Amino acid sequence: MEVRMDPIARELNEIIVKANPHIYNMLSKVGKNLFFPKGILTQSAEAKEKAHKFNATIGLAMEKGKIMYLQSIMDYLRGFDPDESISYAPSYGIMPLRKAWKESIIEKNPSLKDKEISLPVVTNAITHGLSVVSDLWVDRGDRIIVPDKIWEYRMIFEVVGHGELVQYPLFDNSGGFNLKGFRKCLLAEAKKRDKIIVLLNFPNNPTGYTVTTPEAANIADILTEIAGKGTNVVAVMDDAYFGLFYEDNVLKESLFASTVGRDPRLLAIKLDGATKEYYVWGLRVGFITYGAHVNGSPRPVYDALERKTAGDVRASISNASHLSQTIILRSLKSGTFASEKQEKLMIMKERAMEVKDVLSAPRYSKVWEPYPFNSGYFMCLRLKTVEAESLRLHLLEKYGVGVIAIGKSDIRIAFSCIEKKDIRELFNIIHQGIRDL
């Protein structure tokens, strides 16, 4: 059944078409129909401003003019007002956090200083952000281009989103990003269709690899080249582990920064969040930010995209946790935030460097080959003599050691959760497990 388009959605589409018709063409059928409703939420907002006698619009329980709460709950939230912790947050996210996160994006990506980007919309962390991206930009049968070393994107984009993942080898023979394979894959898909979605994840999960600065420049050039040949390109940056860089030659900015505004047919979407960057996995706070080439002021088209995005959030989870958002905002504004973050980064870097030192032992080369890694939480080994699942089960059952098996020959090791002093023993046990088999 064809969905009847709401007048608000039609109005947002007109704004997008006027600014850049290619962006409108990139939207999925769902994306074209999405809008942020002017129903109960808008009426409540108007009542909040003008209903000076009685306001019977709010979907909250009130008591003596304040939000009703259970004392046994607020006792655990000392230092937080009910209005900033247990009340609903806007579907867009709370405005102070959105503004603060945009400032932090620009601070971490100096190349964005003179570029216009949208205000981030808050999601329930990056997994939910990926789902929102799928809703807005992926139609049944659309191709999503990813490397052969990926996180669990298939569930989001294929099983639920009905798109199709197309893969290229992540690494070339020299152990760098496979620029030739990447370009070849994009060119092949661009010949068959008028839109492609390209998903780039650095630091990469599972390998822990981030591209170098020259590799990043080449990736941006390839995306621009494909767009310039007449194919609409939705470039999605999954920056879940952003900032966890351990080597000097690693790109210290998001690829988002080098793709914004490059071509009218190239839309950049940045997915990031506090979850991995700031070690608050269970708080579930992520963001979606847009960067585009538009005619005239970018503010109207960004506003339209933010409304569609918030509409999708509203239709799925209503809003992300207000308490989580307030905690992240307070942390960003605290005087010790930068030093705390640097302290944890150094711990993570020391673990990564210890892994590299341990793996340099010649005796390991007969049984495995480490994939390149320079960032993030993980690294991967390509096993030469045993199958990954057999080794995983053996390590678990005989030694009480857990690793992740990926495919037939790869295992993923999260050094992020292993103390530096234990890393050598961990790899010795894995090596012994292989010898056992």
Protein backbone atom coordinates (compact mmCIF):
# COMPACT_ATOMS: atom_id res chain seq x y z
CA MET A 1 0.00 0.00 0.00
CA GLU A 2 1.33 3.41 -1.00
CA VAL A 3 1.85 5.72 1.98
CA ARG A 4 0.00 9.01 1.71
CA MET A 5 2.55 11.80 2.08
CA ASP A 6 1.85 14.23 4.92
CA PRO A 7 1.80 17.94 3.98
CA ILE A 8 4.64 18.58 6.46
CA ALA A 9 6.82 15.96 4.73
CA ARG A 10 5.99 17.53 1.37
CA GLU A 11 7.03 20.93 2.72
CA LEU A 12 10.36 19.56 3.99
CA ASN A 13 10.96 17.86 0.64
CA GLU A 14 10.40 21.13 -1.20
CA ILE A 15 13.04 22.80 0.98
CA ILE A 16 15.52 20.00 0.23
CA VAL A 17 14.80 20.02 -3.52
CA LYS A 18 15.33 23.78 -3.66
CA ALA A 19 18.68 23.51 -1.84
CA ASN A 20 19.95 20.40 -3.63
CA PRO A 21 17.64 18.03 -5.58
CA HIS A 22 20.28 15.27 -5.43
CA ILE A 23 19.84 15.02 -1.65
CA TYR A 24 16.10 14.56 -2.14
CA ASN A 25 16.79 11.78 -4.66
CA MET A 26 19.09 10.07 -2.16
CA LEU A 27 16.30 9.77 0.41
CA SER A 28 14.54 6.41 0.67
CA LYS A 29 10.78 6.18 0.26
CA VAL A 30 10.54 6.24 4.03
CA GLY A 31 12.93 9.21 4.17
CA LYS A 32 10.82 11.18 1.70
CA ASN A 33 7.72 10.51 3.80
CA LEU A 34 9.30 11.25 7.17
CA PHE A 35 8.54 14.46 9.05
CA PHE A 36 8.37 15.71 12.60
CA PRO A 37 4.70 15.91 13.59
CA LYS A 38 3.01 19.11 14.67
CA GLY A 39 0.51 17.10 16.70
CA ILE A 40 0.62 16.57 20.45
CA LEU A 41 4.22 17.75 20.86
CA THR A 42 3.65 21.05 19.08
CA GLN A 43 0.36 21.69 20.88
CA SER A 44 2.05 20.96 24.21
CA ALA A 45 4.83 23.41 23.37
CA GLU A 46 2.29 26.13 22.54
CA ALA A 47 0.38 25.38 25.75
CA LYS A 48 3.58 25.57 27.79
CA GLU A 49 4.04 29.10 26.50
CA LYS A 50 0.45 30.37 26.74
CA ALA A 51 -1.61 28.16 29.10
CA HIS A 52 -1.23 30.30 32.25
CA LYS A 53 -4.25 28.83 34.10
CA PHE A 54 -4.30 25.06 33.43
CA ASN A 55 -2.09 23.06 31.11
CA ALA A 56 -3.74 19.69 30.48
CA THR A 57 -1.56 18.75 27.51
CA ILE A 58 1.50 17.25 29.18
CA GLY A 59 1.98 13.48 29.04
CA LEU A 60 3.67 13.55 32.44
CA ALA A 61 2.28 13.30 35.95
CA MET A 62 2.56 16.55 37.88
CA GLU A 63 2.36 17.30 41.58
CA LYS A 64 2.34 20.75 43.18
CA GLY A 65 3.47 22.27 39.89
CA LYS A 66 6.46 19.96 39.50
CA ILE A 67 7.15 16.58 37.92
CA MET A 68 5.86 13.74 40.07
CA TYR A 69 8.50 11.27 41.17
CA LEU A 70 9.19 8.41 43.54
CA GLN A 71 11.59 9.46 46.28
CA SER A 72 13.22 6.02 46.21
CA ILE A 73 14.30 6.76 42.62
CA MET A 74 15.37 10.38 43.11
CA ASP A 75 17.44 9.30 46.11
CA TYR A 76 19.75 7.60 43.59
CA LEU A 77 19.84 10.75 41.44
CA ARG A 78 21.12 13.23 44.00
CA GLY A 79 22.38 16.34 42.27
CA PHE A 80 19.90 16.00 39.41
CA ASP A 81 16.63 17.88 39.12
CA PRO A 82 13.67 15.74 37.93
CA ASP A 83 13.27 18.09 34.94
CA GLU A 84 16.74 17.16 33.65
CA SER A 85 16.75 13.48 34.51
CA ILE A 86 13.38 11.68 34.54
CA SER A 87 11.34 13.89 32.23
CA TYR A 88 11.05 13.31 28.49
CA ALA A 89 13.84 14.71 26.33
CA PRO A 90 13.02 16.15 22.89
CA SER A 91 13.21 13.63 20.04
CA TYR A 92 16.02 15.78 18.62
CA GLY A 93 17.94 15.54 21.91
CA ILE A 94 18.39 18.28 24.48
CA MET A 95 19.56 21.47 22.79
CA PRO A 96 22.53 22.29 25.09
CA LEU A 97 24.02 18.85 24.38
CA ARG A 98 23.43 19.14 20.64
CA LYS A 99 25.24 22.48 20.58
CA ALA A 100 28.06 21.23 22.81
CA TRP A 101 28.55 18.12 20.68
CA LYS A 102 28.69 20.17 17.49
CA GLU A 103 31.36 22.36 19.10
CA SER A 104 33.31 19.23 20.09
CA ILE A 105 33.09 17.84 16.53
CA ILE A 106 34.58 21.05 15.13
CA GLU A 107 37.23 21.13 17.86
CA LYS A 108 38.27 17.52 17.08
CA ASN A 109 38.10 18.14 13.30
CA PRO A 110 39.79 21.51 12.58
CA SER A 111 39.16 21.06 8.83
CA LEU A 112 35.48 21.75 9.55
CA LYS A 113 36.17 25.23 10.91
CA ASP A 114 34.96 27.06 7.81
CA LYS A 115 32.36 24.46 6.73
CA GLU A 116 28.67 24.41 7.57
CA ILE A 117 27.34 21.23 9.17
CA SER A 118 24.02 20.39 10.77
CA LEU A 119 23.25 20.34 14.46
CA PRO A 120 23.67 16.75 15.64
CA VAL A 121 20.48 14.83 16.40
CA VAL A 122 20.74 12.56 19.45
CA THR A 123 20.23 8.81 18.97
CA ASN A 124 20.19 5.87 21.35
CA ALA A 125 23.91 5.37 20.59
CA ILE A 126 25.42 4.51 17.21
CA THR A 127 23.60 1.21 16.61
CA HIS A 128 20.31 3.11 16.70
CA GLY A 129 21.92 5.83 14.57
CA LEU A 130 22.76 3.26 11.90
CA SER A 131 19.16 2.07 11.98
CA VAL A 132 17.93 5.64 11.51
CA VAL A 133 20.32 6.08 8.58
CA SER A 134 18.96 2.87 7.06
CA ASP A 135 15.38 4.15 7.42
CA LEU A 136 16.12 7.53 5.83
CA TRP A 137 18.51 6.60 3.05
CA VAL A 138 18.21 2.89 2.15
CA ASP A 139 15.49 1.42 -0.06
CA ARG A 140 14.96 -2.28 -0.77
CA GLY A 141 17.77 -3.46 -3.04
CA ASP A 142 20.04 -0.44 -2.48
CA ARG A 143 23.73 -1.31 -2.29
CA ILE A 144 25.72 -0.52 0.86
CA ILE A 145 29.45 -0.76 0.17
CA VAL A 146 31.55 -2.02 3.09
CA PRO A 147 34.95 -3.70 3.54
CA ASP A 148 35.28 -7.43 4.14
CA LYS A 149 36.18 -6.76 7.77
CA ILE A 150 33.02 -5.35 9.34
CA TRP A 151 30.95 -5.16 12.49
CA GLU A 152 27.37 -6.58 12.47
CA TYR A 153 25.97 -4.25 9.81
CA ARG A 154 24.16 -7.08 8.02
CA MET A 155 21.36 -7.25 10.58
CA ILE A 156 20.64 -3.52 10.29
CA PHE A 157 21.00 -2.96 6.57
CA GLU A 158 20.02 -6.32 5.05
CA VAL A 159 17.77 -8.24 7.43
CA VAL A 160 15.82 -5.21 8.66
CA GLY A 161 16.60 -2.57 6.03
CA HIS A 162 16.36 -4.83 2.94
CA GLY A 163 19.49 -3.35 1.37
CA GLU A 164 22.40 -5.42 0.04
CA LEU A 165 25.95 -5.29 1.39
CA VAL A 166 28.72 -5.29 -1.21
CA GLN A 167 32.25 -5.93 0.03
CA TYR A 168 35.80 -5.13 -1.05
CA PRO A 169 39.04 -6.33 0.64
CA LEU A 170 39.96 -3.88 3.41
CA PHE A 171 43.73 -4.34 3.08
CA ASP A 172 46.02 -4.40 0.08
CA ASN A 173 49.12 -6.59 -0.23
CA SER A 174 51.30 -4.01 1.50
CA GLY A 175 49.08 -3.89 4.60
CA GLY A 176 47.46 -0.52 3.92
CA PHE A 177 43.92 0.47 3.03
CA ASN A 178 42.96 -1.10 -0.29
CA LEU A 179 42.42 2.05 -2.33
CA LYS A 180 42.39 0.21 -5.68
CA GLY A 181 39.86 -2.35 -4.49
CA PHE A 182 37.73 0.39 -2.92
CA ARG A 183 37.66 2.47 -6.11
CA LYS A 184 37.04 -0.58 -8.31
CA CYS A 185 34.07 -1.62 -6.16
CA LEU A 186 32.53 1.87 -6.17
CA LEU A 187 32.96 2.28 -9.93
CA ALA A 188 31.36 -1.11 -10.59
CA GLU A 189 28.33 -0.35 -8.43
CA ALA A 190 27.99 3.21 -9.73
CA LYS A 191 27.64 1.90 -13.28
CA LYS A 192 24.57 -0.12 -12.28
CA ARG A 193 22.60 2.41 -10.24
CA ASP A 194 22.06 6.10 -9.60
CA LYS A 195 22.74 5.93 -5.84
CA ILE A 196 25.22 4.07 -3.65
CA ILE A 197 25.70 4.11 0.11
CA VAL A 198 29.32 3.87 1.27
CA LEU A 199 29.91 2.94 4.91
CA LEU A 200 33.34 3.77 6.34
CA ASN A 201 34.28 2.71 9.87
CA PHE A 202 37.54 3.99 11.38
CA PRO A 203 38.93 2.94 13.77
CA ASN A 204 37.71 -0.25 12.18
CA ASN A 205 35.84 -2.89 14.11
CA PRO A 206 37.10 -5.66 14.15
CA THR A 207 40.68 -4.94 12.99
CA GLY A 208 41.52 -1.73 14.86
CA TYR A 209 42.84 -0.08 11.69
CA THR A 210 42.52 3.63 10.90
CA VAL A 211 43.63 5.02 7.55
CA THR A 212 46.65 7.26 7.23
CA THR A 213 46.28 10.90 6.23
CA PRO A 214 47.26 10.24 2.56
CA GLU A 215 44.86 7.26 2.41
CA ALA A 216 42.05 9.44 3.78
CA ALA A 217 42.71 12.11 1.14
CA ASN A 218 42.52 9.44 -1.57
CA ILE A 219 39.26 8.04 -0.17
CA ALA A 220 37.70 11.52 -0.22
CA ASP A 221 38.93 12.02 -3.80
CA ILE A 222 37.42 8.69 -4.90
CA LEU A 223 34.05 9.53 -3.33
CA THR A 224 34.15 12.91 -5.09
CA GLU A 225 35.14 11.28 -8.38
CA ILE A 226 32.16 8.88 -8.25
CA ALA A 227 29.80 11.73 -7.41
CA GLY A 228 31.28 13.83 -10.21
CA LYS A 229 30.51 11.07 -12.71
CA GLY A 230 26.79 11.40 -11.93
CA THR A 231 26.08 8.89 -9.14
CA ASN A 232 24.57 10.06 -5.86
CA VAL A 233 26.83 9.01 -2.99
CA VAL A 234 25.68 8.74 0.62
CA ALA A 235 28.93 8.53 2.60
CA VAL A 236 28.28 7.27 6.13
CA MET A 237 31.08 7.56 8.68
CA ASP A 238 30.77 5.20 11.66
CA ASP A 239 33.14 6.98 14.05
CA ALA A 240 32.32 4.86 17.11
CA TYR A 241 35.93 4.65 18.34
CA PHE A 242 37.01 8.12 17.22
CA GLY A 243 39.99 9.62 19.02
CA LEU A 244 41.54 6.32 20.11
CA PHE A 245 44.58 6.72 17.83
CA TYR A 246 47.95 5.23 18.82
CA GLU A 247 50.35 6.03 15.96
CA ASP A 248 51.58 9.33 14.52
CA ASN A 249 50.72 8.64 10.87
CA VAL A 250 47.07 7.84 11.61
CA LEU A 251 44.36 10.24 10.42
CA LYS A 252 43.38 12.27 13.49
CA GLU A 253 40.17 13.65 11.98
CA SER A 254 37.01 11.96 10.78
CA LEU A 255 36.66 11.29 7.03
CA PHE A 256 33.48 13.33 7.45
CA ALA A 257 35.60 16.48 7.61
CA SER A 258 37.25 15.86 4.24
CA THR A 259 34.01 14.96 2.41
CA VAL A 260 31.66 17.75 3.50
CA GLY A 261 30.74 20.07 0.62
CA ARG A 262 32.94 18.36 -1.99
CA ASP A 263 30.21 17.75 -4.58
CA PRO A 264 26.42 18.32 -4.88
CA ARG A 265 25.94 14.56 -5.29
CA LEU A 266 28.00 13.69 -2.19
CA LEU A 267 26.22 13.69 1.18
CA ALA A 268 28.35 13.09 4.28
CA ILE A 269 26.75 11.60 7.40
CA LYS A 270 28.70 11.35 10.65
CA LEU A 271 27.70 8.83 13.32
CA ASP A 272 29.51 9.18 16.61
CA GLY A 273 28.80 9.12 20.31
CA ALA A 274 29.95 9.16 23.87
CA THR A 275 29.56 5.39 24.27
CA LYS A 276 33.03 4.24 23.13
CA GLU A 277 34.86 7.56 23.06
CA TYR A 278 34.08 8.39 26.69
CA TYR A 279 33.69 4.87 28.10
CA VAL A 280 29.97 5.12 28.92
CA TRP A 281 28.64 2.21 26.90
CA GLY A 282 25.40 1.74 28.82
CA LEU A 283 24.37 5.40 28.74
CA ARG A 284 23.53 4.94 25.02
CA VAL A 285 24.12 8.46 23.69
CA GLY A 286 25.01 8.87 20.02
CA PHE A 287 24.61 11.50 17.32
CA ILE A 288 23.80 11.92 13.62
CA THR A 289 25.33 14.93 11.85
CA TYR A 290 24.97 15.94 8.18
CA GLY A 291 27.36 17.70 5.83
CA ALA A 292 26.22 18.67 2.32
CA HIS A 293 26.80 20.89 -0.70
CA VAL A 294 23.74 23.16 -1.06
CA ASN A 295 22.55 26.20 -2.96
CA GLY A 296 22.22 29.23 -0.71
CA SER A 297 22.14 29.03 3.06
CA PRO A 298 22.55 25.45 4.33
CA ARG A 299 20.48 26.09 7.46
CA PRO A 300 17.03 25.39 5.90
CA VAL A 301 18.08 22.06 4.36
CA TYR A 302 19.86 20.98 7.53
CA ASP A 303 16.77 21.91 9.52
CA ALA A 304 14.67 19.78 7.15
CA LEU A 305 17.03 16.80 7.52
CA GLU A 306 17.09 17.21 11.30
CA ARG A 307 13.28 17.21 11.34
CA LYS A 308 13.12 14.04 9.28
CA THR A 309 15.75 12.42 11.48
CA ALA A 310 13.96 13.44 14.68
CA GLY A 311 10.74 12.16 13.13
CA ASP A 312 12.32 8.73 12.74
CA VAL A 313 13.58 8.84 16.33
CA ARG A 314 10.07 9.81 17.43
CA ALA A 315 8.58 6.92 15.46
CA SER A 316 10.96 4.33 16.91
CA ILE A 317 12.10 5.15 20.48
CA SER A 318 10.45 8.57 21.05
CA ASN A 319 13.66 9.98 22.57
CA ALA A 320 16.98 8.98 24.07
CA SER A 321 17.41 8.98 27.85
CA HIS A 322 17.25 12.49 29.32
CA LEU A 323 19.39 11.44 32.30
CA SER A 324 22.11 10.02 30.04
CA GLN A 325 22.16 13.20 27.95
CA THR A 326 22.44 15.39 31.05
CA ILE A 327 25.33 13.30 32.40
CA ILE A 328 27.24 13.59 29.11
CA LEU A 329 26.60 17.34 28.91
CA ARG A 330 27.86 17.90 32.45
CA SER A 331 30.95 15.81 31.73
CA LEU A 332 31.74 17.79 28.56
CA LYS A 333 31.47 21.01 30.55
CA SER A 334 33.54 19.80 33.51
CA GLY A 335 37.00 21.19 34.14
CA THR A 336 38.63 17.76 34.39
CA PHE A 337 37.10 16.21 31.26
CA ALA A 338 40.10 16.71 28.94
CA SER A 339 42.68 15.43 31.43
CA GLU A 340 40.55 12.39 32.34
CA LYS A 341 40.10 11.51 28.68
CA GLN A 342 43.85 11.84 28.01
CA GLU A 343 44.66 9.62 30.99
CA LYS A 344 42.45 6.79 29.69
CA LEU A 345 43.78 7.24 26.16
CA MET A 346 47.32 6.64 27.41
CA ILE A 347 46.25 3.43 29.16
CA MET A 348 44.68 2.19 25.93
CA LYS A 349 47.75 3.19 23.91
CA GLU A 350 50.08 1.36 26.29
CA ARG A 351 48.03 -1.82 25.85
CA ALA A 352 48.09 -1.49 22.06
CA MET A 353 51.85 -0.97 22.05
CA GLU A 354 52.31 -3.97 24.33
CA VAL A 355 50.31 -6.10 21.89
CA LYS A 356 52.56 -4.97 19.05
CA ASP A 357 55.68 -5.75 21.09
CA VAL A 358 54.44 -9.21 22.04
CA LEU A 359 53.42 -10.04 18.47
CA SER A 360 56.88 -9.14 17.17
CA ALA A 361 58.20 -12.48 18.50
CA PRO A 362 59.29 -14.62 15.49
CA ARG A 363 57.84 -17.84 16.96
CA TYR A 364 54.29 -16.63 16.33
CA SER A 365 54.73 -16.14 12.58
CA LYS A 366 54.26 -19.86 11.84
CA VAL A 367 50.73 -19.97 13.29
CA TRP A 368 49.22 -16.55 12.68
CA GLU A 369 49.57 -13.21 10.95
CA PRO A 370 48.27 -10.06 12.69
CA TYR A 371 46.22 -7.70 10.55
CA PRO A 372 47.42 -4.08 10.66
CA PHE A 373 46.09 -2.14 13.67
CA ASN A 374 46.82 1.30 15.07
CA SER A 375 43.71 2.43 16.96
CA GLY A 376 40.46 1.53 18.69
CA TYR A 377 39.66 -1.40 21.00
CA PHE A 378 40.58 -4.43 18.89
CA MET A 379 43.06 -6.29 16.75
CA CYS A 380 42.68 -9.42 14.61
CA LEU A 381 44.81 -12.46 13.87
CA ARG A 382 44.63 -14.48 10.65
CA LEU A 383 45.18 -18.09 11.68
CA LYS A 384 47.37 -20.23 9.42
CA THR A 385 47.00 -23.74 10.82
CA VAL A 386 43.63 -24.10 12.60
CA GLU A 387 40.05 -22.89 12.13
CA ALA A 388 38.88 -19.91 14.17
CA GLU A 389 35.78 -21.50 15.69
CA SER A 390 37.68 -24.64 16.74
CA LEU A 391 40.32 -22.50 18.44
CA ARG A 392 37.72 -20.31 20.11
CA LEU A 393 35.94 -23.27 21.68
CA HIS A 394 39.20 -24.94 22.70
CA LEU A 395 40.52 -21.79 24.41
CA LEU A 396 37.25 -21.36 26.23
CA GLU A 397 36.90 -24.92 27.41
CA LYS A 398 40.53 -25.74 28.31
CA TYR A 399 41.98 -22.36 29.35
CA GLY A 400 39.00 -20.18 30.23
CA VAL A 401 40.04 -17.64 27.59
CA GLY A 402 37.47 -15.92 25.39
CA VAL A 403 38.08 -14.52 21.89
CA ILE A 404 35.75 -13.83 18.96
CA ALA A 405 35.88 -16.07 15.88
CA ILE A 406 35.19 -14.27 12.60
CA GLY A 407 34.75 -16.43 9.55
CA LYS A 408 36.97 -19.45 9.02
CA SER A 409 40.39 -18.01 9.78
CA ASP A 410 40.17 -14.80 11.84
CA ILE A 411 39.92 -14.16 15.56
CA ARG A 412 39.30 -10.78 17.18
CA ILE A 413 41.01 -9.84 20.43
CA ALA A 414 39.77 -6.89 22.49
CA PHE A 415 42.93 -5.61 24.15
CA SER A 416 40.78 -2.80 25.54
CA CYS A 417 39.63 -5.11 28.35
CA ILE A 418 43.00 -6.77 29.10
CA GLU A 419 45.47 -5.24 31.55
CA LYS A 420 48.88 -4.49 30.05
CA LYS A 421 50.58 -6.93 32.44
CA ASP A 422 48.34 -9.78 31.21
CA ILE A 423 48.73 -9.29 27.46
CA ARG A 424 51.83 -11.47 27.02
CA GLU A 425 50.21 -14.35 28.91
CA LEU A 426 47.04 -14.03 26.82
CA PHE A 427 48.91 -14.47 23.53
CA ASN A 428 51.02 -17.29 24.96
CA ILE A 429 47.82 -19.14 25.84
CA ILE A 430 46.35 -18.56 22.37
CA HIS A 431 49.58 -19.86 20.88
CA GLN A 432 49.49 -22.93 23.13
CA GLY A 433 45.86 -23.52 22.13
CA ILE A 434 46.87 -23.62 18.48
CA ARG A 435 49.68 -26.08 19.28
CA ASP A 436 47.16 -28.26 21.13
CA LEU A 437 44.96 -28.48 18.07
